[in-house]
């Protein structure tokens, strides 16, 4: 967002989404992969022996956060000093927002929530951490809350329940 704004002088807003799940989700993401494997009685790979945390965010909360920033046109910092630049500020009119649940969830709790919604237990293959992966990620949404009043509203249990309901209909599993 900053580069585009800096190069072209256009106000830009960059959005970082954190582990989005829900209807029409990406088939290469863990909610889809775990759900399909559990229903098909296949084993799921659980990296870092399950000691991972992610900020799972339901699509409705992503949509709500996105809509809340639509009418907020970023402004340049009028106090920006070209002679003594602050890397956290700019003369370019841009903003960056994280949109997430702001509550990291243990991977094993996430899997357990899917298992409960499906009424089936997963077969798990516990593996070490993958190269390049990180143990925990979550969204710092303080600026988004400050600027827009955004608050994620979907609990993991409710969101996974809706996800599983959609998945069964999509796959015609009754």
Protein backbone atom coordinates (compact mmCIF):
# COMPACT_ATOMS: atom_id res chain seq x y z
CA UNK A 1 0.00 0.00 0.00
CA UNK A 2 2.80 2.40 0.90
CA UNK A 3 4.79 1.81 -2.28
CA UNK A 4 1.77 2.25 -4.53
CA UNK A 5 0.72 5.38 -2.66
CA UNK A 6 4.25 6.77 -2.72
CA UNK A 7 4.76 6.08 -6.44
CA UNK A 8 1.39 7.27 -7.71
CA UNK A 9 0.20 9.67 -5.01
CA UNK A 10 -3.03 7.73 -4.58
CA UNK A 11 -4.52 7.04 -1.19
CA UNK A 12 -4.24 3.29 -0.60
CA UNK A 13 -5.22 0.93 2.18
CA UNK A 14 -3.59 -2.45 2.60
CA UNK A 15 -5.44 -5.21 4.43
CA UNK A 16 -3.81 -8.24 6.03
CA UNK A 17 -6.25 -11.11 6.62
CA UNK A 18 -5.44 -13.76 9.22
CA UNK A 19 -6.31 -17.45 8.59
CA UNK A 20 -9.69 -16.91 6.97
CA UNK A 21 -12.22 -19.75 7.04
CA UNK A 22 -15.85 -20.19 6.12
CA UNK A 23 -18.02 -20.93 3.08
CA UNK A 24 -16.14 -20.93 -0.22
CA UNK A 25 -12.84 -21.03 1.62
CA UNK A 26 -9.58 -22.04 0.00
CA UNK A 27 -9.23 -25.83 -0.40
CA UNK A 28 -5.50 -25.61 0.44
CA UNK A 29 -6.11 -24.17 3.93
CA UNK A 30 -6.32 -26.18 7.15
CA UNK A 31 -10.10 -25.92 7.75
CA UNK A 32 -10.82 -27.49 4.37
CA UNK A 33 -7.95 -29.98 4.52
CA UNK A 34 -8.81 -31.15 8.05
CA UNK A 35 -12.55 -31.34 7.42
CA UNK A 36 -12.23 -33.36 4.22
CA UNK A 37 -9.64 -35.71 5.74
CA UNK A 38 -11.70 -36.36 8.86
CA UNK A 39 -14.86 -37.07 6.85
CA UNK A 40 -12.93 -39.35 4.49
CA UNK A 41 -11.19 -41.12 7.39
CA UNK A 42 -7.76 -39.96 6.19
CA UNK A 43 -4.92 -38.95 8.46
CA UNK A 44 -4.17 -35.26 8.97
CA UNK A 45 -0.64 -33.94 9.35
CA UNK A 46 -0.23 -31.91 12.53
CA UNK A 47 2.98 -29.91 12.46
CA UNK A 48 5.14 -28.99 15.47
CA UNK A 49 3.35 -31.86 17.23
CA UNK A 50 0.28 -29.63 17.49
CA UNK A 51 2.07 -26.87 19.39
CA UNK A 52 0.96 -24.09 17.04
CA UNK A 53 -1.33 -21.09 17.45
CA UNK A 54 -3.23 -19.28 14.72
CA UNK A 55 -5.73 -16.47 14.55
CA UNK A 56 -8.63 -18.23 12.81
CA UNK A 57 -11.03 -15.61 11.45
CA UNK A 58 -14.50 -16.33 10.10
CA UNK A 59 -15.30 -14.83 6.70
CA UNK A 60 -18.17 -12.70 8.05
CA UNK A 61 -15.73 -10.91 10.38
CA UNK A 62 -13.29 -10.41 7.49
CA UNK A 63 -16.11 -8.90 5.40
CA UNK A 64 -17.21 -6.66 8.28
CA UNK A 65 -13.68 -5.36 8.86
CA UNK A 66 -13.18 -4.75 5.15
CA UNK A 67 -16.43 -2.79 4.81
CA UNK A 68 -15.54 -0.66 7.83
CA UNK A 69 -12.41 0.71 6.11
CA UNK A 70 -14.02 1.41 2.71
CA UNK A 71 -14.94 5.01 3.46
CA UNK A 72 -11.78 5.83 5.42
CA UNK A 73 -9.49 7.51 2.92
CA UNK A 74 -5.93 7.60 4.29
CA UNK A 75 -4.19 10.92 4.69
CA UNK A 76 -0.46 11.66 4.65
CA UNK A 77 1.26 12.54 7.88
CA UNK A 78 1.48 16.38 7.80
CA UNK A 79 4.35 16.27 10.31
CA UNK A 80 6.53 13.93 8.26
CA UNK A 81 10.13 15.19 8.21
CA UNK A 82 12.02 14.32 5.01
CA UNK A 83 15.30 15.20 6.72
CA UNK A 84 14.68 12.87 9.66
CA UNK A 85 12.23 10.22 8.37
CA UNK A 86 10.39 7.99 10.79
CA UNK A 87 10.00 4.48 9.31
CA UNK A 88 6.57 4.19 10.98
CA UNK A 89 5.28 7.26 9.17
CA UNK A 90 5.15 8.68 5.65
CA UNK A 91 4.25 11.60 3.46
CA UNK A 92 2.34 9.09 1.28
CA UNK A 93 -1.41 8.75 2.00
CA UNK A 94 -1.65 5.09 3.01
CA UNK A 95 -2.88 2.83 5.82
CA UNK A 96 -2.33 -0.81 6.73
CA UNK A 97 -4.80 -2.78 8.79
CA UNK A 98 -4.74 -6.30 10.17
CA UNK A 99 -8.13 -8.00 10.08
CA UNK A 100 -8.37 -11.03 12.30
CA UNK A 101 -9.97 -12.49 15.37
CA UNK A 102 -7.22 -11.10 17.64
CA UNK A 103 -7.37 -14.31 19.69
CA UNK A 104 -4.83 -17.01 18.84
CA UNK A 105 -6.16 -20.56 19.14
CA UNK A 106 -4.10 -23.66 19.84
CA UNK A 107 -4.06 -25.87 16.75
CA UNK A 108 -5.20 -28.88 18.77
CA UNK A 109 -8.22 -26.88 20.04
CA UNK A 110 -9.01 -25.91 16.45
CA UNK A 111 -8.87 -29.55 15.35
CA UNK A 112 -11.00 -30.52 18.37
CA UNK A 113 -13.62 -27.94 17.39
CA UNK A 114 -13.81 -29.41 13.88
CA UNK A 115 -14.03 -32.93 15.33
CA UNK A 116 -16.90 -31.87 17.61
CA UNK A 117 -18.80 -30.20 14.75
CA UNK A 118 -18.34 -33.28 12.55
CA UNK A 119 -19.00 -35.80 15.31
CA UNK A 120 -15.85 -37.67 14.26
CA UNK A 121 -12.32 -37.97 15.60
CA UNK A 122 -9.36 -37.19 13.38
CA UNK A 123 -6.50 -39.57 12.78
CA UNK A 124 -3.44 -37.44 13.49
CA UNK A 125 0.13 -37.74 12.22
CA UNK A 126 2.27 -35.56 14.50
CA UNK A 127 5.25 -34.04 12.71
CA UNK A 128 8.03 -31.59 13.57
CA UNK A 129 7.85 -27.92 12.66
CA UNK A 130 8.19 -27.23 8.93
CA UNK A 131 11.09 -25.07 7.78
CA UNK A 132 9.97 -21.46 7.44
CA UNK A 133 6.88 -21.85 9.61
CA UNK A 134 6.27 -19.96 12.84
CA UNK A 135 4.77 -21.24 16.06
CA UNK A 136 2.20 -18.49 16.56
CA UNK A 137 0.57 -15.78 14.47
CA UNK A 138 -2.28 -13.46 15.34
CA UNK A 139 -3.62 -10.12 14.23
CA UNK A 140 -2.94 -6.97 16.19
CA UNK A 141 -6.19 -5.17 15.37
CA UNK A 142 -5.73 -2.21 17.73
CA UNK A 143 -5.49 0.36 14.92
CA UNK A 144 -8.51 -1.10 13.12
CA UNK A 145 -10.53 -1.00 16.35
CA UNK A 146 -9.37 2.57 17.08
CA UNK A 147 -10.16 3.85 13.58
CA UNK A 148 -13.36 1.94 12.81
CA UNK A 149 -14.76 0.36 15.97
CA UNK A 150 -14.31 -3.10 14.42
CA UNK A 151 -14.73 -6.05 16.76
CA UNK A 152 -14.79 -9.63 15.53
CA UNK A 153 -18.09 -11.21 16.51
CA UNK A 154 -17.80 -14.89 15.52
CA UNK A 155 -16.72 -17.47 18.09
CA UNK A 156 -14.66 -20.38 16.84
CA UNK A 157 -17.39 -22.85 17.77
CA UNK A 158 -20.07 -20.94 15.88
CA UNK A 159 -17.86 -20.31 12.85
CA UNK A 160 -16.70 -23.91 12.58
CA UNK A 161 -20.31 -25.06 12.98
CA UNK A 162 -21.36 -22.83 10.08
CA UNK A 163 -18.30 -23.96 8.06
CA UNK A 164 -19.11 -27.67 8.57
CA UNK A 165 -22.79 -27.07 7.72
CA UNK A 166 -21.76 -25.36 4.46
CA UNK A 167 -19.14 -27.99 3.64
CA UNK A 168 -21.63 -30.86 4.02
CA UNK A 169 -24.12 -29.09 1.72
CA UNK A 170 -21.41 -28.20 -0.81
CA UNK A 171 -20.15 -31.79 -0.89
CA UNK A 172 -23.74 -33.09 -0.75
CA UNK A 173 -23.05 -35.08 2.40
CA UNK A 174 -26.45 -34.48 3.94
